[in-house]
Amino acid sequence: MTTPVIAIHGGAGTITRASLSAEDEARYHQALAEIVAAGQAVLNAGGSALEAVTEAVRLLEDCPLFNAGHGAVYTSEGRHELDACVMNGADLASGAVACVTHLRNPVLAARAVMEKSEHVLLVGPAAEAFAARNGVATVAPDYFHTDARHEQWLRVRGQSRAMLDHDASSFAFAEKTAATVAPVEPIEPIEPIDPDHKFGTVGAVALDQFGNLAAATSTGGITNKQPGRVGDSPIIGAGCYANNATVAVSATGTGEAFMRTVACYDIGARMAYAGQSLEDASRAVVFDTLPKVGGRGGVIAIDAQGNLALPFNTEGMYRAYGCGELAPVTDIYAAPA
């Protein structure tokens, strides 16, 4: 039997110690630990990797700290449009939904598409109708609202750009910081690095005791995005990928860059065709391939041997992992240089 492993992420971006209070930092660590422990419990009870990643992402969607489900960001029209994907490494079965507005847990809808339809991706009202027919809970759109996300949107809605979730949070922090200074002359708000792109996504990858891999990714998208925009999260190979022969990967970051580079699949391809290790393949994609097209963010990945990689090229990435019966490990910031 293989020792089961699970990893989760809650998005990446300009996450700095200065912009996150000690209380909020503790809340993130607690949420990450509890959610990854729930995934561990599924695996340790003999559950499949697919069951574990589905449960972990469902819990991330229900947690208002993260940009998926309850707590999703707002579009430029002040609405919520959600995307999600799941993939099973044993047989490459996959399912995804995009631009849904009434499904409490898009990851469960994606699982329904995978298991109860002949398709991979369903979008919009038709996806919602299919999911509802197959027992996925629906909610009124205001279920996804949180005051923090709404305030975030109010700060950036007059701008023409879309903002990655955790960068947008830092943008709000920077404006607040600038406002507390007593300048001699009016000053401009201090913006975070790369203010044109702000992101947040949740995801999970797992290896079960039977040697099977799975991945799941879910998102509310990017703050102030154009209605109808779909990023990498529901796209197989871009924001989510799992293959027992190589790796399970879930991504978070500038979705268009992950789509252009087919980032998650590229990690697996490097392992399969170039013989690269998980660490080398994932770092090459995150630190070399993605930046060439303006890609910021990171991935969580587990290979068929249970090795784990969590590289990111931003200031922080909410992340956690658990191995067997060991206590969960959580982290937020980049390691000191």
C-alpha atoms as a PDB file:
ATOM      1  CA  MET A   1       0.000   0.000   0.000  1.00  0.00           C
ATOM      2  CA  THR A   2       1.115   3.532  -0.781  1.00  0.00           C
ATOM      3  CA  THR A   3       1.238   6.170   1.959  1.00  0.00           C
ATOM      4  CA  PRO A   4      -1.519   8.627   1.021  1.00  0.00           C
ATOM      5  CA  VAL A   5      -0.634  12.288   0.488  1.00  0.00           C
ATOM      6  CA  ILE A   6      -2.809  15.366  -0.076  1.00  0.00           C
ATOM      7  CA  ALA A   7      -1.987  19.015  -0.723  1.00  0.00           C
ATOM      8  CA  ILE A   8      -4.259  22.043  -1.061  1.00  0.00           C
ATOM      9  CA  HIS A   9      -3.889  25.674  -2.033  1.00  0.00           C
ATOM     10  CA  GLY A  10      -6.016  28.747  -1.446  1.00  0.00           C
ATOM     11  CA  GLY A  11      -4.571  31.068  -4.065  1.00  0.00           C
ATOM     12  CA  ALA A  12      -1.415  33.079  -4.642  1.00  0.00           C
ATOM     13  CA  GLY A  13      -0.485  36.709  -5.123  1.00  0.00           C
ATOM     14  CA  THR A  14       0.919  39.726  -3.346  1.00  0.00           C
ATOM     15  CA  ILE A  15       0.505  38.246   0.123  1.00  0.00           C
ATOM     16  CA  THR A  16       2.938  39.972   2.491  1.00  0.00           C
ATOM     17  CA  ARG A  17       3.363  39.816   6.244  1.00  0.00           C
ATOM     18  CA  ALA A  18       2.691  43.551   6.403  1.00  0.00           C
ATOM     19  CA  SER A  19      -0.702  43.261   4.692  1.00  0.00           C
ATOM     20  CA  LEU A  20      -1.989  40.334   6.775  1.00  0.00           C
ATOM     21  CA  SER A  21      -2.765  40.831  10.457  1.00  0.00           C
ATOM     22  CA  ALA A  22      -1.701  38.234  12.995  1.00  0.00           C
ATOM     23  CA  GLU A  23      -5.354  37.375  13.586  1.00  0.00           C
ATOM     24  CA  ASP A  24      -6.077  36.893   9.884  1.00  0.00           C
ATOM     25  CA  GLU A  25      -2.885  34.909   9.425  1.00  0.00           C
ATOM     26  CA  ALA A  26      -3.976  32.567  12.217  1.00  0.00           C
ATOM     27  CA  ARG A  27      -7.412  32.166  10.622  1.00  0.00           C
ATOM     28  CA  TYR A  28      -5.838  31.121   7.322  1.00  0.00           C
ATOM     29  CA  HIS A  29      -3.526  28.626   9.000  1.00  0.00           C
ATOM     30  CA  GLN A  30      -6.424  27.124  10.945  1.00  0.00           C
ATOM     31  CA  ALA A  31      -8.676  26.846   7.896  1.00  0.00           C
ATOM     32  CA  LEU A  32      -5.929  25.287   5.780  1.00  0.00           C
ATOM     33  CA  ALA A  33      -5.053  22.788   8.520  1.00  0.00           C
ATOM     34  CA  GLU A  34      -8.657  21.753   9.107  1.00  0.00           C
ATOM     35  CA  ILE A  35      -9.397  21.319   5.424  1.00  0.00           C
ATOM     36  CA  VAL A  36      -6.284  19.331   4.597  1.00  0.00           C
ATOM     37  CA  ALA A  37      -6.956  17.178   7.690  1.00  0.00           C
ATOM     38  CA  ALA A  38     -10.421  16.422   6.326  1.00  0.00           C
ATOM     39  CA  GLY A  39      -8.837  15.268   3.087  1.00  0.00           C
ATOM     40  CA  GLN A  40      -6.363  13.148   5.029  1.00  0.00           C
ATOM     41  CA  ALA A  41      -9.231  11.536   6.906  1.00  0.00           C
ATOM     42  CA  VAL A  42     -10.828  10.473   3.624  1.00  0.00           C
ATOM     43  CA  LEU A  43      -7.571   8.956   2.400  1.00  0.00           C
ATOM     44  CA  ASN A  44      -6.688   7.277   5.694  1.00  0.00           C
ATOM     45  CA  ALA A  45     -10.119   5.652   5.802  1.00  0.00           C
ATOM     46  CA  GLY A  46      -9.410   4.025   2.449  1.00  0.00           C
ATOM     47  CA  GLY A  47     -11.102   6.643   0.300  1.00  0.00           C
ATOM     48  CA  SER A  48      -9.947   7.430  -3.200  1.00  0.00           C
ATOM     49  CA  ALA A  49      -7.805  10.363  -4.262  1.00  0.00           C
ATOM     50  CA  LEU A  50     -10.794  11.636  -6.246  1.00  0.00           C
ATOM     51  CA  GLU A  51     -12.997  11.579  -3.142  1.00  0.00           C
ATOM     52  CA  ALA A  52     -10.322  13.356  -1.102  1.00  0.00           C
ATOM     53  CA  VAL A  53      -9.729  16.230  -3.536  1.00  0.00           C
ATOM     54  CA  THR A  54     -13.461  16.682  -4.069  1.00  0.00           C
ATOM     55  CA  GLU A  55     -14.069  16.947  -0.328  1.00  0.00           C
ATOM     56  CA  ALA A  56     -11.128  19.290   0.238  1.00  0.00           C
ATOM     57  CA  VAL A  57     -12.192  21.657  -2.535  1.00  0.00           C
ATOM     58  CA  ARG A  58     -15.823  21.526  -1.381  1.00  0.00           C
ATOM     59  CA  LEU A  59     -14.676  22.728   2.032  1.00  0.00           C
ATOM     60  CA  LEU A  60     -12.496  25.422   0.474  1.00  0.00           C
ATOM     61  CA  GLU A  61     -15.538  26.596  -1.519  1.00  0.00           C
ATOM     62  CA  ASP A  62     -17.548  26.838   1.700  1.00  0.00           C
ATOM     63  CA  CYS A  63     -14.848  28.875   3.487  1.00  0.00           C
ATOM     64  CA  PRO A  64     -15.247  32.649   2.965  1.00  0.00           C
ATOM     65  CA  LEU A  65     -11.504  33.222   3.285  1.00  0.00           C
ATOM     66  CA  PHE A  66     -10.927  31.902  -0.213  1.00  0.00           C
ATOM     67  CA  ASN A  67     -11.990  32.930  -3.705  1.00  0.00           C
ATOM     68  CA  ALA A  68     -14.315  30.066  -4.583  1.00  0.00           C
ATOM     69  CA  GLY A  69     -17.950  29.456  -3.716  1.00  0.00           C
ATOM     70  CA  HIS A  70     -18.931  31.509  -0.661  1.00  0.00           C
ATOM     71  CA  GLY A  71     -16.342  34.275  -0.801  1.00  0.00           C
ATOM     72  CA  ALA A  72     -15.942  34.451  -4.582  1.00  0.00           C
ATOM     73  CA  VAL A  73     -14.862  37.742  -6.126  1.00  0.00           C
ATOM     74  CA  TYR A  74     -17.071  40.068  -8.179  1.00  0.00           C
ATOM     75  CA  THR A  75     -17.168  40.601 -11.938  1.00  0.00           C
ATOM     76  CA  SER A  76     -17.164  44.100 -13.428  1.00  0.00           C
ATOM     77  CA  GLU A  77     -20.976  43.940 -13.332  1.00  0.00           C
ATOM     78  CA  GLY A  78     -20.996  43.139  -9.618  1.00  0.00           C
ATOM     79  CA  ARG A  79     -21.938  39.469  -9.975  1.00  0.00           C
ATOM     80  CA  HIS A  80     -20.306  36.107  -9.334  1.00  0.00           C
ATOM     81  CA  GLU A  81     -19.309  33.621 -12.040  1.00  0.00           C
ATOM     82  CA  LEU A  82     -17.704  30.400 -10.853  1.00  0.00           C
ATOM     83  CA  ASP A  83     -15.594  27.699 -12.529  1.00  0.00           C
ATOM     84  CA  ALA A  84     -14.366  24.275 -11.367  1.00  0.00           C
ATOM     85  CA  CYS A  85     -12.743  21.080 -12.608  1.00  0.00           C
ATOM     86  CA  VAL A  86     -11.910  17.588 -11.360  1.00  0.00           C
ATOM     87  CA  MET A  87      -9.696  14.926 -12.952  1.00  0.00           C
ATOM     88  CA  ASN A  88      -9.041  11.297 -12.055  1.00  0.00           C
ATOM     89  CA  GLY A  89      -5.526  10.073 -12.788  1.00  0.00           C
ATOM     90  CA  ALA A  90      -6.482   6.399 -13.010  1.00  0.00           C
ATOM     91  CA  ASP A  91      -8.448   6.748 -16.254  1.00  0.00           C
ATOM     92  CA  LEU A  92      -8.103  10.447 -17.193  1.00  0.00           C
ATOM     93  CA  ALA A  93     -11.817  10.914 -16.555  1.00  0.00           C
ATOM     94  CA  SER A  94     -12.588  14.582 -16.018  1.00  0.00           C
ATOM     95  CA  GLY A  95     -15.425  17.018 -15.614  1.00  0.00           C
ATOM     96  CA  ALA A  96     -15.738  20.800 -15.450  1.00  0.00           C
ATOM     97  CA  VAL A  97     -18.214  23.667 -15.259  1.00  0.00           C
ATOM     98  CA  ALA A  98     -17.753  27.337 -16.068  1.00  0.00           C
ATOM     99  CA  CYS A  99     -19.657  30.602 -15.646  1.00  0.00           C
ATOM    100  CA  VAL A 100     -22.118  29.165 -13.147  1.00  0.00           C
ATOM    101  CA  THR A 101     -23.929  31.548 -10.822  1.00  0.00           C
ATOM    102  CA  HIS A 102     -26.300  29.468  -8.672  1.00  0.00           C
ATOM    103  CA  LEU A 103     -24.359  26.335  -7.683  1.00  0.00           C
ATOM    104  CA  ARG A 104     -23.221  26.247  -4.070  1.00  0.00           C
ATOM    105  CA  ASN A 105     -20.319  23.902  -4.809  1.00  0.00           C
ATOM    106  CA  PRO A 106     -19.097  24.022  -8.402  1.00  0.00           C
ATOM    107  CA  VAL A 107     -16.638  21.193  -7.710  1.00  0.00           C
ATOM    108  CA  LEU A 108     -19.585  18.859  -7.066  1.00  0.00           C
ATOM    109  CA  ALA A 109     -21.093  19.951 -10.367  1.00  0.00           C
ATOM    110  CA  ALA A 110     -17.798  19.205 -12.103  1.00  0.00           C
ATOM    111  CA  ARG A 111     -17.786  15.757 -10.508  1.00  0.00           C
ATOM    112  CA  ALA A 112     -21.349  15.198 -11.756  1.00  0.00           C
ATOM    113  CA  VAL A 113     -20.332  16.152 -15.295  1.00  0.00           C
ATOM    114  CA  MET A 114     -17.480  13.652 -15.100  1.00  0.00           C
ATOM    115  CA  GLU A 115     -19.541  10.784 -13.741  1.00  0.00           C
ATOM    116  CA  LYS A 116     -23.023  11.356 -15.166  1.00  0.00           C
ATOM    117  CA  SER A 117     -22.512  12.800 -18.625  1.00  0.00           C
ATOM    118  CA  GLU A 118     -20.586  11.953 -21.767  1.00  0.00           C
ATOM    119  CA  HIS A 119     -18.971  15.394 -21.762  1.00  0.00           C
ATOM    120  CA  VAL A 120     -16.048  17.101 -20.047  1.00  0.00           C
ATOM    121  CA  LEU A 121     -17.115  20.764 -19.835  1.00  0.00           C
ATOM    122  CA  LEU A 122     -20.552  22.355 -19.422  1.00  0.00           C
ATOM    123  CA  VAL A 123     -21.108  26.099 -19.065  1.00  0.00           C
ATOM    124  CA  GLY A 124     -23.648  28.636 -17.868  1.00  0.00           C
ATOM    125  CA  PRO A 125     -27.342  27.929 -17.252  1.00  0.00           C
ATOM    126  CA  ALA A 126     -27.188  24.553 -18.987  1.00  0.00           C
ATOM    127  CA  ALA A 127     -24.450  23.430 -16.617  1.00  0.00           C
ATOM    128  CA  GLU A 128     -26.530  24.591 -13.663  1.00  0.00           C
ATOM    129  CA  ALA A 129     -29.622  22.760 -14.893  1.00  0.00           C
ATOM    130  CA  PHE A 130     -27.628  19.566 -15.409  1.00  0.00           C
ATOM    131  CA  ALA A 131     -26.051  19.821 -11.962  1.00  0.00           C
ATOM    132  CA  ALA A 132     -29.401  20.492 -10.281  1.00  0.00           C
ATOM    133  CA  ARG A 133     -30.945  17.455 -11.999  1.00  0.00           C
ATOM    134  CA  ASN A 134     -28.127  15.407 -10.526  1.00  0.00           C
ATOM    135  CA  GLY A 135     -28.548  16.570  -6.960  1.00  0.00           C
ATOM    136  CA  VAL A 136     -26.083  19.472  -6.719  1.00  0.00           C
ATOM    137  CA  ALA A 137     -27.394  22.168  -4.373  1.00  0.00           C
ATOM    138  CA  THR A 138     -28.408  25.518  -5.858  1.00  0.00           C
ATOM    139  CA  VAL A 139     -28.393  28.857  -4.039  1.00  0.00           C
ATOM    140  CA  ALA A 140     -29.396  32.458  -4.609  1.00  0.00           C
ATOM    141  CA  PRO A 141     -26.514  34.543  -6.000  1.00  0.00           C
ATOM    142  CA  ASP A 142     -26.189  36.523  -2.760  1.00  0.00           C
ATOM    143  CA  TYR A 143     -24.961  33.327  -1.066  1.00  0.00           C
ATOM    144  CA  PHE A 144     -21.529  34.004  -2.570  1.00  0.00           C
ATOM    145  CA  HIS A 145     -21.306  37.535  -1.153  1.00  0.00           C
ATOM    146  CA  THR A 146     -18.894  38.535   1.562  1.00  0.00           C
ATOM    147  CA  ASP A 147     -18.307  42.085   2.722  1.00  0.00           C
ATOM    148  CA  ALA A 148     -14.556  41.768   2.153  1.00  0.00           C
ATOM    149  CA  ARG A 149     -14.920  40.746  -1.490  1.00  0.00           C
ATOM    150  CA  HIS A 150     -17.539  43.433  -2.130  1.00  0.00           C
ATOM    151  CA  GLU A 151     -15.312  46.142  -0.648  1.00  0.00           C
ATOM    152  CA  GLN A 152     -12.444  44.814  -2.732  1.00  0.00           C
ATOM    153  CA  TRP A 153     -14.539  45.195  -5.880  1.00  0.00           C
ATOM    154  CA  LEU A 154     -15.709  48.688  -4.941  1.00  0.00           C
ATOM    155  CA  ARG A 155     -12.077  49.797  -4.722  1.00  0.00           C
ATOM    156  CA  VAL A 156     -11.154  48.601  -8.217  1.00  0.00           C
ATOM    157  CA  ARG A 157     -14.384  48.689 -10.232  1.00  0.00           C
ATOM    158  CA  GLY A 158     -13.617  52.088 -11.740  1.00  0.00           C
ATOM    159  CA  GLN A 159     -10.425  50.715 -13.232  1.00  0.00           C
ATOM    160  CA  SER A 160     -10.298  49.034 -16.609  1.00  0.00           C
ATOM    161  CA  ARG A 161      -8.163  46.197 -15.328  1.00  0.00           C
ATOM    162  CA  ALA A 162      -9.122  42.955 -13.657  1.00  0.00           C
ATOM    163  CA  MET A 163      -7.411  42.151 -10.376  1.00  0.00           C
ATOM    164  CA  LEU A 164      -6.159  38.861  -8.990  1.00  0.00           C
ATOM    165  CA  ASP A 165      -7.816  38.207  -5.668  1.00  0.00           C
ATOM    166  CA  HIS A 166      -4.924  38.286  -3.204  1.00  0.00           C
ATOM    167  CA  ASP A 167      -3.220  41.153  -5.033  1.00  0.00           C
ATOM    168  CA  ALA A 168      -6.497  43.059  -4.802  1.00  0.00           C
ATOM    169  CA  SER A 169      -6.491  42.477  -1.063  1.00  0.00           C
ATOM    170  CA  SER A 170      -3.002  43.933  -0.857  1.00  0.00           C
ATOM    171  CA  PHE A 171      -4.121  46.850  -3.025  1.00  0.00           C
ATOM    172  CA  ALA A 172      -6.807  47.622  -0.451  1.00  0.00           C
ATOM    173  CA  PHE A 173      -4.221  47.335   2.317  1.00  0.00           C
ATOM    174  CA  ALA A 174      -1.832  49.657   0.483  1.00  0.00           C
ATOM    175  CA  GLU A 175      -4.524  52.308   0.013  1.00  0.00           C
ATOM    176  CA  LYS A 176      -5.388  52.098   3.698  1.00  0.00           C
ATOM    177  CA  THR A 177      -1.714  52.395   4.631  1.00  0.00           C
ATOM    178  CA  ALA A 178      -1.229  55.421   2.411  1.00  0.00           C
ATOM    179  CA  ALA A 179      -4.300  57.050   3.944  1.00  0.00           C
ATOM    180  CA  THR A 180      -2.861  56.749   7.468  1.00  0.00           C
ATOM    181  CA  VAL A 181       0.273  58.657   6.564  1.00  0.00           C
ATOM    182  CA  ALA A 182       0.249  62.424   7.185  1.00  0.00           C
ATOM    183  CA  PRO A 183       1.900  63.650   3.991  1.00  0.00           C
ATOM    184  CA  VAL A 184       2.971  67.189   3.273  1.00  0.00           C
ATOM    185  CA  GLU A 185       1.434  66.805  -0.172  1.00  0.00           C
ATOM    186  CA  PRO A 186      -1.249  64.434  -1.430  1.00  0.00           C
ATOM    187  CA  ILE A 187       0.204  61.022  -2.279  1.00  0.00           C
ATOM    188  CA  GLU A 188      -0.878  58.281  -4.599  1.00  0.00           C
ATOM    189  CA  PRO A 189      -1.873  54.945  -3.049  1.00  0.00           C
ATOM    190  CA  ILE A 190       0.995  52.499  -2.898  1.00  0.00           C
ATOM    191  CA  GLU A 191       0.113  49.691  -5.280  1.00  0.00           C
ATOM    192  CA  PRO A 192       1.320  46.114  -4.976  1.00  0.00           C
ATOM    193  CA  ILE A 193       3.724  44.547  -7.425  1.00  0.00           C
ATOM    194  CA  ASP A 194       2.067  43.884 -10.785  1.00  0.00           C
ATOM    195  CA  PRO A 195      -1.150  45.799 -10.066  1.00  0.00           C
ATOM    196  CA  ASP A 196      -2.679  44.801 -13.394  1.00  0.00           C
ATOM    197  CA  HIS A 197      -3.184  41.179 -12.366  1.00  0.00           C
ATOM    198  CA  LYS A 198      -4.777  39.968  -9.120  1.00  0.00           C
ATOM    199  CA  PHE A 199      -5.780  36.326  -8.530  1.00  0.00           C
ATOM    200  CA  GLY A 200      -7.195  33.663  -6.271  1.00  0.00           C
ATOM    201  CA  THR A 201      -8.184  30.047  -6.787  1.00  0.00           C
ATOM    202  CA  VAL A 202      -8.463  26.934  -4.629  1.00  0.00           C
ATOM    203  CA  GLY A 203      -7.336  23.442  -5.414  1.00  0.00           C
ATOM    204  CA  ALA A 204      -6.301  20.033  -4.163  1.00  0.00           C
ATOM    205  CA  VAL A 205      -4.164  17.129  -5.348  1.00  0.00           C
ATOM    206  CA  ALA A 206      -3.920  13.697  -3.776  1.00  0.00           C
ATOM    207  CA  LEU A 207      -2.348  10.262  -3.984  1.00  0.00           C
ATOM    208  CA  ASP A 208      -4.352   7.472  -2.364  1.00  0.00           C
ATOM    209  CA  GLN A 209      -3.153   4.206  -0.819  1.00  0.00           C
ATOM    210  CA  PHE A 210      -3.944   2.369  -4.053  1.00  0.00           C
ATOM    211  CA  GLY A 211      -1.532   4.535  -6.054  1.00  0.00           C
ATOM    212  CA  ASN A 212      -4.156   6.645  -7.790  1.00  0.00           C
ATOM    213  CA  LEU A 213      -3.793  10.389  -8.339  1.00  0.00           C
ATOM    214  CA  ALA A 214      -6.494  13.060  -8.641  1.00  0.00           C
ATOM    215  CA  ALA A 215      -6.748  16.837  -8.859  1.00  0.00           C
ATOM    216  CA  ALA A 216      -9.462  19.458  -8.437  1.00  0.00           C
ATOM    217  CA  THR A 217      -9.507  23.226  -8.942  1.00  0.00           C
ATOM    218  CA  SER A 218     -12.215  25.823  -8.287  1.00  0.00           C
ATOM    219  CA  THR A 219     -12.384  29.602  -8.547  1.00  0.00           C
ATOM    220  CA  GLY A 220     -14.456  32.740  -8.527  1.00  0.00           C
ATOM    221  CA  GLY A 221     -12.061  34.148 -11.135  1.00  0.00           C
ATOM    222  CA  ILE A 222     -10.421  37.549 -10.944  1.00  0.00           C
ATOM    223  CA  THR A 223     -11.806  40.673  -9.320  1.00  0.00           C
ATOM    224  CA  ASN A 224     -13.519  43.029 -11.787  1.00  0.00           C
ATOM    225  CA  LYS A 225     -13.261  40.481 -14.620  1.00  0.00           C
ATOM    226  CA  GLN A 226     -15.308  40.870 -17.785  1.00  0.00           C
ATOM    227  CA  PRO A 227     -18.543  38.847 -17.601  1.00  0.00           C
ATOM    228  CA  GLY A 228     -18.165  35.575 -19.443  1.00  0.00           C
ATOM    229  CA  ARG A 229     -14.429  35.385 -18.857  1.00  0.00           C
ATOM    230  CA  VAL A 230     -13.212  31.841 -18.217  1.00  0.00           C
ATOM    231  CA  GLY A 231      -9.733  31.257 -16.875  1.00  0.00           C
ATOM    232  CA  ASP A 232      -7.549  28.197 -16.535  1.00  0.00           C
ATOM    233  CA  SER A 233      -9.287  26.569 -13.567  1.00  0.00           C
ATOM    234  CA  PRO A 234     -11.873  24.515 -15.518  1.00  0.00           C
ATOM    235  CA  ILE A 235      -9.510  23.775 -18.409  1.00  0.00           C
ATOM    236  CA  ILE A 236      -7.899  20.331 -18.416  1.00  0.00           C
ATOM    237  CA  GLY A 237      -4.125  20.659 -18.685  1.00  0.00           C
ATOM    238  CA  ALA A 238      -4.101  24.374 -17.903  1.00  0.00           C
ATOM    239  CA  GLY A 239      -5.378  24.737 -14.328  1.00  0.00           C
ATOM    240  CA  CYS A 240      -5.999  21.087 -13.439  1.00  0.00           C
ATOM    241  CA  TYR A 241      -4.429  17.789 -14.495  1.00  0.00           C
ATOM    242  CA  ALA A 242      -4.004  14.250 -13.159  1.00  0.00           C
ATOM    243  CA  ASN A 243      -2.418  11.156 -14.694  1.00  0.00           C
ATOM    244  CA  ASN A 244      -1.330   8.122 -12.700  1.00  0.00           C
ATOM    245  CA  ALA A 245       1.684   7.762 -14.996  1.00  0.00           C
ATOM    246  CA  THR A 246       3.120  11.094 -13.911  1.00  0.00           C
ATOM    247  CA  VAL A 247       1.501  13.717 -11.710  1.00  0.00           C
ATOM    248  CA  ALA A 248      -1.541  15.475 -10.279  1.00  0.00           C
ATOM    249  CA  VAL A 249      -1.435  19.278 -10.478  1.00  0.00           C
ATOM    250  CA  SER A 250      -3.682  22.180  -9.473  1.00  0.00           C
ATOM    251  CA  ALA A 251      -2.739  25.732 -10.413  1.00  0.00           C
ATOM    252  CA  THR A 252      -3.450  29.245  -9.205  1.00  0.00           C
ATOM    253  CA  GLY A 253      -2.434  32.465 -10.890  1.00  0.00           C
ATOM    254  CA  THR A 254      -2.864  34.526 -14.020  1.00  0.00           C
ATOM    255  CA  GLY A 255      -5.188  32.162 -15.826  1.00  0.00           C
ATOM    256  CA  GLU A 256      -4.535  33.341 -19.348  1.00  0.00           C
ATOM    257  CA  ALA A 257      -0.817  32.568 -18.947  1.00  0.00           C
ATOM    258  CA  PHE A 258      -1.543  29.099 -17.575  1.00  0.00           C
ATOM    259  CA  MET A 259      -3.827  28.456 -20.545  1.00  0.00           C
ATOM    260  CA  ARG A 260      -1.314  29.693 -23.117  1.00  0.00           C
ATOM    261  CA  THR A 261       1.394  27.426 -21.722  1.00  0.00           C
ATOM    262  CA  VAL A 262      -0.890  24.478 -20.812  1.00  0.00           C
ATOM    263  CA  ALA A 263       1.055  24.698 -17.572  1.00  0.00           C
ATOM    264  CA  CYS A 264      -0.254  21.717 -15.603  1.00  0.00           C
ATOM    265  CA  TYR A 265       0.041  19.324 -18.527  1.00  0.00           C
ATOM    266  CA  ASP A 266       3.501  20.676 -19.292  1.00  0.00           C
ATOM    267  CA  ILE A 267       4.711  19.538 -15.896  1.00  0.00           C
ATOM    268  CA  GLY A 268       3.507  16.013 -16.635  1.00  0.00           C
ATOM    269  CA  ALA A 269       4.917  16.095 -20.170  1.00  0.00           C
ATOM    270  CA  ARG A 270       8.340  17.128 -18.916  1.00  0.00           C
ATOM    271  CA  MET A 271       8.286  14.181 -16.540  1.00  0.00           C
ATOM    272  CA  ALA A 272       7.024  11.702 -19.149  1.00  0.00           C
ATOM    273  CA  TYR A 273       9.057  12.742 -22.175  1.00  0.00           C
ATOM    274  CA  ALA A 274      12.141  14.453 -20.761  1.00  0.00           C
ATOM    275  CA  GLY A 275      12.555  12.328 -17.641  1.00  0.00           C
ATOM    276  CA  GLN A 276      12.516  15.354 -15.357  1.00  0.00           C
ATOM    277  CA  SER A 277      11.776  14.949 -11.658  1.00  0.00           C
ATOM    278  CA  LEU A 278       8.622  16.470 -10.219  1.00  0.00           C
ATOM    279  CA  GLU A 279      10.669  19.221  -8.567  1.00  0.00           C
ATOM    280  CA  ASP A 280      12.591  20.103 -11.728  1.00  0.00           C
ATOM    281  CA  ALA A 281       9.517  19.997 -13.978  1.00  0.00           C
ATOM    282  CA  SER A 282       7.310  22.090 -11.725  1.00  0.00           C
ATOM    283  CA  ARG A 283       9.996  24.689 -11.045  1.00  0.00           C
ATOM    284  CA  ALA A 284      10.807  24.996 -14.754  1.00  0.00           C
ATOM    285  CA  VAL A 285       7.179  25.769 -15.550  1.00  0.00           C
ATOM    286  CA  VAL A 286       6.622  28.171 -12.630  1.00  0.00           C
ATOM    287  CA  PHE A 287       9.925  30.062 -12.760  1.00  0.00           C
ATOM    288  CA  ASP A 288      10.789  29.913 -16.462  1.00  0.00           C
ATOM    289  CA  THR A 289       7.869  29.143 -18.772  1.00  0.00           C
ATOM    290  CA  LEU A 290       5.132  31.167 -17.067  1.00  0.00           C
ATOM    291  CA  PRO A 291       7.073  34.405 -16.481  1.00  0.00           C
ATOM    292  CA  LYS A 292       7.893  34.577 -20.200  1.00  0.00           C
ATOM    293  CA  VAL A 293       4.207  35.244 -20.885  1.00  0.00           C
ATOM    294  CA  GLY A 294       3.564  37.344 -17.787  1.00  0.00           C
ATOM    295  CA  GLY A 295       2.413  34.423 -15.659  1.00  0.00           C
ATOM    296  CA  ARG A 296       2.338  34.858 -11.890  1.00  0.00           C
ATOM    297  CA  GLY A 297       1.157  32.243  -9.435  1.00  0.00           C
ATOM    298  CA  GLY A 298       2.018  28.698  -8.479  1.00  0.00           C
ATOM    299  CA  VAL A 299       1.064  25.042  -8.453  1.00  0.00           C
ATOM    300  CA  ILE A 300       0.662  22.184  -6.031  1.00  0.00           C
ATOM    301  CA  ALA A 301       1.719  18.822  -7.418  1.00  0.00           C
ATOM    302  CA  ILE A 302       2.115  15.202  -6.307  1.00  0.00           C
ATOM    303  CA  ASP A 303       3.760  12.513  -8.435  1.00  0.00           C
ATOM    304  CA  ALA A 304       3.036   8.808  -8.617  1.00  0.00           C
ATOM    305  CA  GLN A 305       5.690   8.092  -5.961  1.00  0.00           C
ATOM    306  CA  GLY A 306       4.191  10.515  -3.453  1.00  0.00           C
ATOM    307  CA  ASN A 307       6.735  13.297  -3.927  1.00  0.00           C
ATOM    308  CA  LEU A 308       5.332  16.767  -3.380  1.00  0.00           C
ATOM    309  CA  ALA A 309       6.118  20.160  -4.969  1.00  0.00           C
ATOM    310  CA  LEU A 310       4.526  23.530  -4.183  1.00  0.00           C
ATOM    311  CA  PRO A 311       6.453  26.189  -6.159  1.00  0.00           C
ATOM    312  CA  PHE A 312       5.162  29.732  -6.705  1.00  0.00           C
ATOM    313  CA  ASN A 313       6.661  32.923  -8.144  1.00  0.00           C
ATOM    314  CA  THR A 314       4.611  35.417  -6.119  1.00  0.00           C
ATOM    315  CA  GLU A 315       5.092  36.853  -2.637  1.00  0.00           C
ATOM    316  CA  GLY A 316       2.886  34.173  -1.122  1.00  0.00           C
ATOM    317  CA  MET A 317       0.605  31.201  -1.706  1.00  0.00           C
ATOM    318  CA  TYR A 318      -1.853  29.789   0.822  1.00  0.00           C
ATOM    319  CA  ARG A 319      -0.936  26.104   0.990  1.00  0.00           C
ATOM    320  CA  ALA A 320      -0.995  22.989   3.152  1.00  0.00           C
ATOM    321  CA  TYR A 321      -0.228  19.303   2.888  1.00  0.00           C
ATOM    322  CA  GLY A 322      -0.675  16.119   4.880  1.00  0.00           C
ATOM    323  CA  CYS A 323       1.039  12.741   4.616  1.00  0.00           C
ATOM    324  CA  GLY A 324      -0.471   9.600   6.114  1.00  0.00           C
ATOM    325  CA  GLU A 325      -1.274  10.123   9.789  1.00  0.00           C
ATOM    326  CA  LEU A 326       1.164  13.016  10.232  1.00  0.00           C
ATOM    327  CA  ALA A 327      -0.142  16.411  11.341  1.00  0.00           C
ATOM    328  CA  PRO A 328      -0.920  18.881   8.539  1.00  0.00           C
ATOM    329  CA  VAL A 329       1.719  21.409   7.516  1.00  0.00           C
ATOM    330  CA  THR A 330       0.527  24.898   6.515  1.00  0.00           C
ATOM    331  CA  ASP A 331       2.321  27.907   5.065  1.00  0.00           C
ATOM    332  CA  ILE A 332       1.602  31.255   3.424  1.00  0.00           C
ATOM    333  CA  TYR A 333       4.724  33.226   2.562  1.00  0.00           C
ATOM    334  CA  ALA A 334       7.732  32.554   0.387  1.00  0.00           C
ATOM    335  CA  ALA A 335      10.791  31.174   2.142  1.00  0.00           C
ATOM    336  CA  PRO A 336      13.453  33.777   3.027  1.00  0.00           C
ATOM    337  CA  ALA A 337      16.078  34.203   0.316  1.00  0.00           C
END
